C-alpha atoms as a PDB file:
ATOM      1  CA  MET A   1      -8.506   2.794 -18.577  1.00  0.00           C
ATOM      2  CA  GLU A   2      -9.090   5.811 -16.829  1.00  0.00           C
ATOM      3  CA  LYS A   3      -6.891   6.632 -14.179  1.00  0.00           C
ATOM      4  CA  ARG A   4      -8.589   7.481 -10.428  1.00  0.00           C
ATOM      5  CA  LEU A   5      -6.996   9.391  -7.324  1.00  0.00           C
ATOM      6  CA  GLY A   6      -7.275   6.977  -4.071  1.00  0.00           C
ATOM      7  CA  VAL A   7      -5.468   6.667  -1.091  1.00  0.00           C
ATOM      8  CA  ILE A   8      -4.054   3.510   0.599  1.00  0.00           C
ATOM      9  CA  GLY A   9      -3.692   1.930   3.749  1.00  0.00           C
ATOM     10  CA  ILE A  10      -1.031  -0.976   4.661  1.00  0.00           C
ATOM     11  CA  VAL A  11      -0.740  -1.772   8.480  1.00  0.00           C
ATOM     12  CA  VAL A  12       2.444  -4.012   8.997  1.00  0.00           C
ATOM     13  CA  GLU A  13       2.441  -6.594  11.773  1.00  0.00           C
ATOM     14  CA  ASP A  14       5.616  -8.132  11.268  1.00  0.00           C
ATOM     15  CA  ARG A  15       8.449  -6.193  10.918  1.00  0.00           C
ATOM     16  CA  GLN A  16      10.118  -9.670   8.610  1.00  0.00           C
ATOM     17  CA  VAL A  17       8.074  -8.886   6.050  1.00  0.00           C
ATOM     18  CA  VAL A  18       9.172  -5.211   5.515  1.00  0.00           C
ATOM     19  CA  PRO A  19      11.220  -6.067   2.737  1.00  0.00           C
ATOM     20  CA  GLN A  20       8.696  -7.812   0.584  1.00  0.00           C
ATOM     21  CA  VAL A  21       6.270  -4.509   1.279  1.00  0.00           C
ATOM     22  CA  ASN A  22       8.761  -2.425   0.378  1.00  0.00           C
ATOM     23  CA  LYS A  23       9.899  -4.415  -3.129  1.00  0.00           C
ATOM     24  CA  ILE A  24       6.261  -4.185  -4.028  1.00  0.00           C
ATOM     25  CA  LEU A  25       5.804  -0.427  -3.128  1.00  0.00           C
ATOM     26  CA  SER A  26       9.027  -0.132  -5.438  1.00  0.00           C
ATOM     27  CA  GLU A  27       7.729  -2.151  -8.417  1.00  0.00           C
ATOM     28  CA  HIS A  28       4.609   0.240  -8.508  1.00  0.00           C
ATOM     29  CA  ALA A  29       6.425   3.697  -7.695  1.00  0.00           C
ATOM     30  CA  ASP A  30       5.120   4.907 -10.999  1.00  0.00           C
ATOM     31  CA  MET A  31       1.609   5.030  -9.420  1.00  0.00           C
ATOM     32  CA  ILE A  32       2.636   5.953  -6.354  1.00  0.00           C
ATOM     33  CA  ILE A  33       1.936  10.112  -5.611  1.00  0.00           C
ATOM     34  CA  GLY A  34       2.812  10.530  -2.139  1.00  0.00           C
ATOM     35  CA  ARG A  35       4.049   8.086   1.150  1.00  0.00           C
ATOM     36  CA  MET A  36       4.057   8.366   5.079  1.00  0.00           C
ATOM     37  CA  GLY A  37       5.598   5.357   7.415  1.00  0.00           C
ATOM     38  CA  LEU A  38       5.211   5.330  11.141  1.00  0.00           C
ATOM     39  CA  PRO A  39       6.204   2.729  13.364  1.00  0.00           C
ATOM     40  CA  HIS A  40       4.269   2.499  16.345  1.00  0.00           C
ATOM     41  CA  ARG A  41       6.959   0.643  18.453  1.00  0.00           C
ATOM     42  CA  GLU A  42       4.756  -0.029  21.280  1.00  0.00           C
ATOM     43  CA  ARG A  43       2.156  -2.343  19.340  1.00  0.00           C
ATOM     44  CA  GLU A  44       5.146  -3.536  17.069  1.00  0.00           C
ATOM     45  CA  VAL A  45       3.071  -2.621  14.144  1.00  0.00           C
ATOM     46  CA  SER A  46       3.861  -0.268  11.013  1.00  0.00           C
ATOM     47  CA  VAL A  47       1.516   1.976   9.208  1.00  0.00           C
ATOM     48  CA  ILE A  48       1.947   3.149   5.924  1.00  0.00           C
ATOM     49  CA  SER A  49      -0.436   5.704   3.752  1.00  0.00           C
ATOM     50  CA  LEU A  50      -0.081   6.064   0.242  1.00  0.00           C
ATOM     51  CA  ILE A  51      -1.484   8.165  -2.016  1.00  0.00           C
ATOM     52  CA  VAL A  52      -2.111   6.889  -5.632  1.00  0.00           C
ATOM     53  CA  ASP A  53      -3.019   7.881  -9.032  1.00  0.00           C
ATOM     54  CA  GLY A  54      -3.431   4.691 -11.177  1.00  0.00           C
ATOM     55  CA  THR A  55      -6.255   2.436 -12.633  1.00  0.00           C
ATOM     56  CA  THR A  56      -8.380   0.247 -10.859  1.00  0.00           C
ATOM     57  CA  ASP A  57      -6.373  -2.624 -12.389  1.00  0.00           C
ATOM     58  CA  GLN A  58      -2.894  -0.959 -11.146  1.00  0.00           C
ATOM     59  CA  VAL A  59      -4.207  -0.673  -7.789  1.00  0.00           C
ATOM     60  CA  GLY A  60      -5.903  -3.333  -7.654  1.00  0.00           C
ATOM     61  CA  SER A  61      -2.395  -5.257  -8.775  1.00  0.00           C
ATOM     62  CA  LEU A  62      -0.621  -3.297  -5.983  1.00  0.00           C
ATOM     63  CA  THR A  63      -3.327  -4.425  -3.125  1.00  0.00           C
ATOM     64  CA  GLY A  64      -3.937  -7.586  -4.049  1.00  0.00           C
ATOM     65  CA  LYS A  65       0.082  -8.409  -3.645  1.00  0.00           C
ATOM     66  CA  LEU A  66       0.299  -6.716  -0.619  1.00  0.00           C
ATOM     67  CA  GLY A  67      -2.818  -8.940   0.911  1.00  0.00           C
ATOM     68  CA  ASN A  68      -1.029 -12.068   0.042  1.00  0.00           C
ATOM     69  CA  ILE A  69       1.631 -11.101   1.961  1.00  0.00           C
ATOM     70  CA  PRO A  70       1.313 -12.668   5.865  1.00  0.00           C
ATOM     71  CA  HIS A  71       0.712 -10.271   8.710  1.00  0.00           C
ATOM     72  CA  VAL A  72      -0.230  -7.380   6.360  1.00  0.00           C
ATOM     73  CA  THR A  73      -3.576  -5.496   6.491  1.00  0.00           C
ATOM     74  CA  VAL A  74      -4.271  -3.084   3.397  1.00  0.00           C
ATOM     75  CA  LYS A  75      -7.610  -1.295   2.734  1.00  0.00           C
ATOM     76  CA  SER A  76      -8.198   1.213  -0.626  1.00  0.00           C
ATOM     77  CA  ALA A  77     -10.335   3.986  -0.803  1.00  0.00           C
ATOM     78  CA  LEU A  78     -10.522   5.743  -4.915  1.00  0.00           C
ATOM     79  CA  THR A  79     -12.452   8.405  -6.395  1.00  0.00           C
ATOM     80  CA  LYS A  80     -15.513   7.730  -8.593  1.00  0.00           C
ATOM     81  CA  VAL A  81     -14.225   8.996 -11.763  1.00  0.00           C
END
């Protein structure tokens, strides 16, 4: 399957689940090119942006696992080719 370049946005609304998020990200580290995380203390949320290079199955696995964590919202966008 062909790899695609993309971006994944993650919003974490409960700091208690951060270890779960980090564990899943570590499991998929081979396809993560870059990562930036910013806490927004006033709103008590954290925002993580990822640049990824992987197959649609790999990206789907990552976003699916993250999306199953309570208080975590995930969106992704991939190149067409």
